[in-house]
Amino acid sequence: MKNLLKKNWILFLLASLTLGLAPFNPPHIWGKIQWLLGGNAFSGNNAMQAKDWFDMILHGTPWVLLLISGLLNLKKDK
């Protein structure tokens, strides 16, 4: 599993730049992060619903995988 995460950094980068940012103007994940942190002009004071959490996980997973892959590739093997 660790080797798969290390090898597939290009796939994770492409997924982050496409699915992770779509729709692109403004990046959708940025709006979800702002909403989660408590301030988004589009959300008002509405709490996030289940579909919003799913959407955030969908758009955020490529970024998390890219971060993990990058950290594994930077870490020196023993």
N, C-alpha and C. Protein backbone atom coordinates (compact mmCIF):
# COMPACT_ATOMS: atom_id res chain seq x y z
N MET A 1 0.82 -1.20 0.00
CA MET A 1 0.00 0.00 0.00
C MET A 1 0.86 1.25 0.00
N LYS A 2 1.92 1.22 0.81
CA LYS A 2 2.81 2.36 0.91
C LYS A 2 3.49 2.64 -0.44
N ASN A 3 3.90 1.58 -1.13
CA ASN A 3 4.55 1.74 -2.43
C ASN A 3 3.57 2.30 -3.47
N LEU A 4 2.31 1.88 -3.40
CA LEU A 4 1.30 2.43 -4.33
C LEU A 4 1.11 3.92 -4.11
N LEU A 5 1.09 4.33 -2.87
CA LEU A 5 0.94 5.76 -2.57
C LEU A 5 2.17 6.54 -3.04
N LYS A 6 3.35 5.95 -2.91
CA LYS A 6 4.57 6.63 -3.34
C LYS A 6 4.64 6.75 -4.86
N LYS A 7 4.28 5.67 -5.57
CA LYS A 7 4.42 5.63 -7.03
C LYS A 7 3.40 6.48 -7.77
N ASN A 8 2.22 6.63 -7.24
CA ASN A 8 1.12 7.25 -7.97
C ASN A 8 0.96 8.74 -7.72
N TRP A 9 2.04 9.44 -7.41
CA TRP A 9 1.93 10.87 -7.12
C TRP A 9 1.46 11.66 -8.33
N ILE A 10 1.80 11.22 -9.54
CA ILE A 10 1.35 11.95 -10.73
C ILE A 10 -0.17 11.82 -10.89
N LEU A 11 -0.68 10.63 -10.65
CA LEU A 11 -2.14 10.42 -10.69
C LEU A 11 -2.84 11.30 -9.67
N PHE A 12 -2.29 11.36 -8.46
CA PHE A 12 -2.89 12.18 -7.42
C PHE A 12 -2.81 13.67 -7.76
N LEU A 13 -1.72 14.08 -8.40
CA LEU A 13 -1.58 15.47 -8.82
C LEU A 13 -2.62 15.81 -9.89
N LEU A 14 -2.78 14.95 -10.87
CA LEU A 14 -3.79 15.19 -11.91
C LEU A 14 -5.20 15.20 -11.33
N ALA A 15 -5.48 14.28 -10.42
CA ALA A 15 -6.79 14.25 -9.78
C ALA A 15 -7.03 15.50 -8.95
N SER A 16 -6.00 15.98 -8.29
CA SER A 16 -6.13 17.20 -7.48
C SER A 16 -6.41 18.42 -8.34
N LEU A 17 -5.73 18.50 -9.48
CA LEU A 17 -5.90 19.65 -10.37
C LEU A 17 -7.19 19.60 -11.17
N THR A 18 -7.80 18.44 -11.29
CA THR A 18 -9.06 18.33 -12.03
C THR A 18 -10.23 18.21 -11.05
N LEU A 19 -10.41 17.02 -10.48
CA LEU A 19 -11.53 16.79 -9.56
C LEU A 19 -11.40 17.63 -8.29
N GLY A 20 -10.18 17.80 -7.82
CA GLY A 20 -9.96 18.54 -6.58
C GLY A 20 -10.30 20.02 -6.67
N LEU A 21 -10.20 20.59 -7.87
CA LEU A 21 -10.48 22.02 -8.04
C LEU A 21 -11.80 22.31 -8.75
N ALA A 22 -12.38 21.32 -9.41
CA ALA A 22 -13.60 21.55 -10.20
C ALA A 22 -14.77 21.92 -9.31
N PRO A 23 -15.66 22.78 -9.72
CA PRO A 23 -15.53 23.75 -10.81
C PRO A 23 -14.47 24.78 -10.46
N PHE A 24 -13.85 25.34 -11.47
CA PHE A 24 -12.59 26.05 -11.31
C PHE A 24 -12.68 27.52 -10.91
N ASN A 25 -13.80 28.16 -11.08
CA ASN A 25 -13.85 29.60 -10.81
C ASN A 25 -15.00 29.94 -9.88
N PRO A 26 -14.84 30.09 -8.61
CA PRO A 26 -13.64 29.82 -7.80
C PRO A 26 -13.54 28.33 -7.53
N PRO A 27 -12.38 27.82 -7.12
CA PRO A 27 -12.26 26.40 -6.82
C PRO A 27 -13.29 25.97 -5.77
N HIS A 28 -14.02 24.93 -6.09
CA HIS A 28 -15.13 24.47 -5.26
C HIS A 28 -14.66 24.05 -3.87
N ILE A 29 -13.53 23.38 -3.80
CA ILE A 29 -13.03 22.92 -2.50
C ILE A 29 -12.71 24.10 -1.59
N TRP A 30 -12.26 25.20 -2.16
CA TRP A 30 -11.96 26.39 -1.37
C TRP A 30 -13.23 26.91 -0.70
N GLY A 31 -14.34 26.93 -1.43
CA GLY A 31 -15.61 27.36 -0.86
C GLY A 31 -16.06 26.44 0.27
N LYS A 32 -15.85 25.13 0.08
CA LYS A 32 -16.25 24.17 1.13
C LYS A 32 -15.39 24.34 2.38
N ILE A 33 -14.09 24.59 2.20
CA ILE A 33 -13.22 24.79 3.35
C ILE A 33 -13.62 26.06 4.10
N GLN A 34 -13.92 27.12 3.36
CA GLN A 34 -14.37 28.36 4.01
C GLN A 34 -15.67 28.13 4.76
N TRP A 35 -16.59 27.39 4.16
CA TRP A 35 -17.86 27.09 4.79
C TRP A 35 -17.63 26.30 6.07
N LEU A 36 -16.74 25.33 6.01
CA LEU A 36 -16.43 24.52 7.18
C LEU A 36 -15.84 25.36 8.31
N LEU A 37 -15.00 26.33 7.93
CA LEU A 37 -14.37 27.19 8.93
C LEU A 37 -15.28 28.30 9.43
N GLY A 38 -16.46 28.41 8.83
CA GLY A 38 -17.46 29.31 9.38
C GLY A 38 -17.76 30.57 8.61
N GLY A 39 -17.19 30.77 7.44
CA GLY A 39 -17.51 31.99 6.72
C GLY A 39 -17.47 31.82 5.22
N ASN A 40 -18.64 31.80 4.61
CA ASN A 40 -18.72 31.74 3.16
C ASN A 40 -19.86 32.63 2.73
N ALA A 41 -19.63 33.48 1.79
CA ALA A 41 -20.66 34.43 1.34
C ALA A 41 -21.86 33.71 0.75
N PHE A 42 -21.66 32.52 0.21
CA PHE A 42 -22.75 31.82 -0.45
C PHE A 42 -23.59 30.99 0.51
N SER A 43 -23.05 30.68 1.68
CA SER A 43 -23.75 29.77 2.56
C SER A 43 -24.60 30.47 3.62
N GLY A 44 -24.33 31.71 3.90
CA GLY A 44 -25.03 32.36 4.99
C GLY A 44 -24.65 31.71 6.29
N ASN A 45 -25.64 31.42 7.13
CA ASN A 45 -25.37 30.74 8.40
C ASN A 45 -25.86 29.30 8.38
N ASN A 46 -26.06 28.75 7.20
CA ASN A 46 -26.55 27.38 7.09
C ASN A 46 -25.47 26.39 7.47
N ALA A 47 -25.86 25.37 8.21
CA ALA A 47 -24.91 24.32 8.56
C ALA A 47 -24.73 23.39 7.36
N MET A 48 -23.58 22.75 7.30
CA MET A 48 -23.33 21.81 6.21
C MET A 48 -24.21 20.58 6.39
N GLN A 49 -24.80 20.14 5.30
CA GLN A 49 -25.64 18.95 5.30
C GLN A 49 -24.80 17.76 4.86
N ALA A 50 -25.39 16.57 4.87
CA ALA A 50 -24.68 15.34 4.50
C ALA A 50 -24.13 15.44 3.08
N LYS A 51 -24.89 16.00 2.15
CA LYS A 51 -24.41 16.10 0.77
C LYS A 51 -23.21 17.04 0.67
N ASP A 52 -23.15 18.06 1.52
CA ASP A 52 -22.01 18.97 1.53
C ASP A 52 -20.75 18.29 2.06
N TRP A 53 -20.91 17.46 3.09
CA TRP A 53 -19.78 16.71 3.62
C TRP A 53 -19.27 15.73 2.57
N PHE A 54 -20.19 15.03 1.89
CA PHE A 54 -19.80 14.09 0.84
C PHE A 54 -19.05 14.83 -0.27
N ASP A 55 -19.55 15.98 -0.63
CA ASP A 55 -18.93 16.79 -1.68
C ASP A 55 -17.53 17.23 -1.27
N MET A 56 -17.38 17.60 -0.02
CA MET A 56 -16.06 18.02 0.48
C MET A 56 -15.09 16.84 0.49
N ILE A 57 -15.55 15.68 0.88
CA ILE A 57 -14.71 14.48 0.87
C ILE A 57 -14.33 14.13 -0.57
N LEU A 58 -15.29 14.22 -1.49
CA LEU A 58 -15.03 13.91 -2.89
C LEU A 58 -13.96 14.82 -3.47
N HIS A 59 -14.06 16.12 -3.23
CA HIS A 59 -13.10 17.06 -3.78
C HIS A 59 -11.80 17.13 -2.97
N GLY A 60 -11.83 16.71 -1.72
CA GLY A 60 -10.65 16.80 -0.87
C GLY A 60 -9.76 15.56 -0.87
N THR A 61 -10.32 14.41 -1.22
CA THR A 61 -9.54 13.17 -1.20
C THR A 61 -8.30 13.22 -2.08
N PRO A 62 -8.39 13.72 -3.32
CA PRO A 62 -7.16 13.78 -4.13
C PRO A 62 -6.05 14.61 -3.47
N TRP A 63 -6.42 15.70 -2.79
CA TRP A 63 -5.43 16.54 -2.13
C TRP A 63 -4.78 15.80 -0.96
N VAL A 64 -5.57 15.05 -0.21
CA VAL A 64 -5.03 14.29 0.92
C VAL A 64 -4.08 13.20 0.41
N LEU A 65 -4.49 12.50 -0.67
CA LEU A 65 -3.63 11.46 -1.23
C LEU A 65 -2.34 12.06 -1.79
N LEU A 66 -2.43 13.23 -2.42
CA LEU A 66 -1.23 13.89 -2.93
C LEU A 66 -0.30 14.29 -1.79
N LEU A 67 -0.85 14.79 -0.72
CA LEU A 67 -0.04 15.17 0.45
C LEU A 67 0.65 13.95 1.05
N ILE A 68 -0.09 12.85 1.22
CA ILE A 68 0.50 11.63 1.77
C ILE A 68 1.60 11.11 0.86
N SER A 69 1.33 11.08 -0.45
CA SER A 69 2.32 10.61 -1.41
C SER A 69 3.58 11.48 -1.39
N GLY A 70 3.38 12.79 -1.33
CA GLY A 70 4.52 13.69 -1.27
C GLY A 70 5.36 13.49 -0.03
N LEU A 71 4.70 13.32 1.11
CA LEU A 71 5.43 13.09 2.36
C LEU A 71 6.19 11.77 2.32
N LEU A 72 5.57 10.73 1.75
CA LEU A 72 6.26 9.44 1.66
C LEU A 72 7.46 9.52 0.72
N ASN A 73 7.35 10.29 -0.35
CA ASN A 73 8.46 10.42 -1.28
C ASN A 73 9.59 11.29 -0.71
N LEU A 74 9.26 12.21 0.16
CA LEU A 74 10.30 13.04 0.78
C LEU A 74 11.01 12.34 1.92
N LYS A 75 10.30 11.41 2.55
CA LYS A 75 10.87 10.68 3.68
C LYS A 75 11.94 9.72 3.19
N LYS A 76 13.07 9.70 3.86
CA LYS A 76 14.15 8.80 3.47
C LYS A 76 13.84 7.40 3.95
N ASP A 77 14.08 6.44 3.05
CA ASP A 77 13.89 5.02 3.43
C ASP A 77 15.04 4.56 4.31
N LYS A 78 14.71 3.69 5.24
CA LYS A 78 15.73 3.19 6.17
C LYS A 78 16.37 1.95 5.62
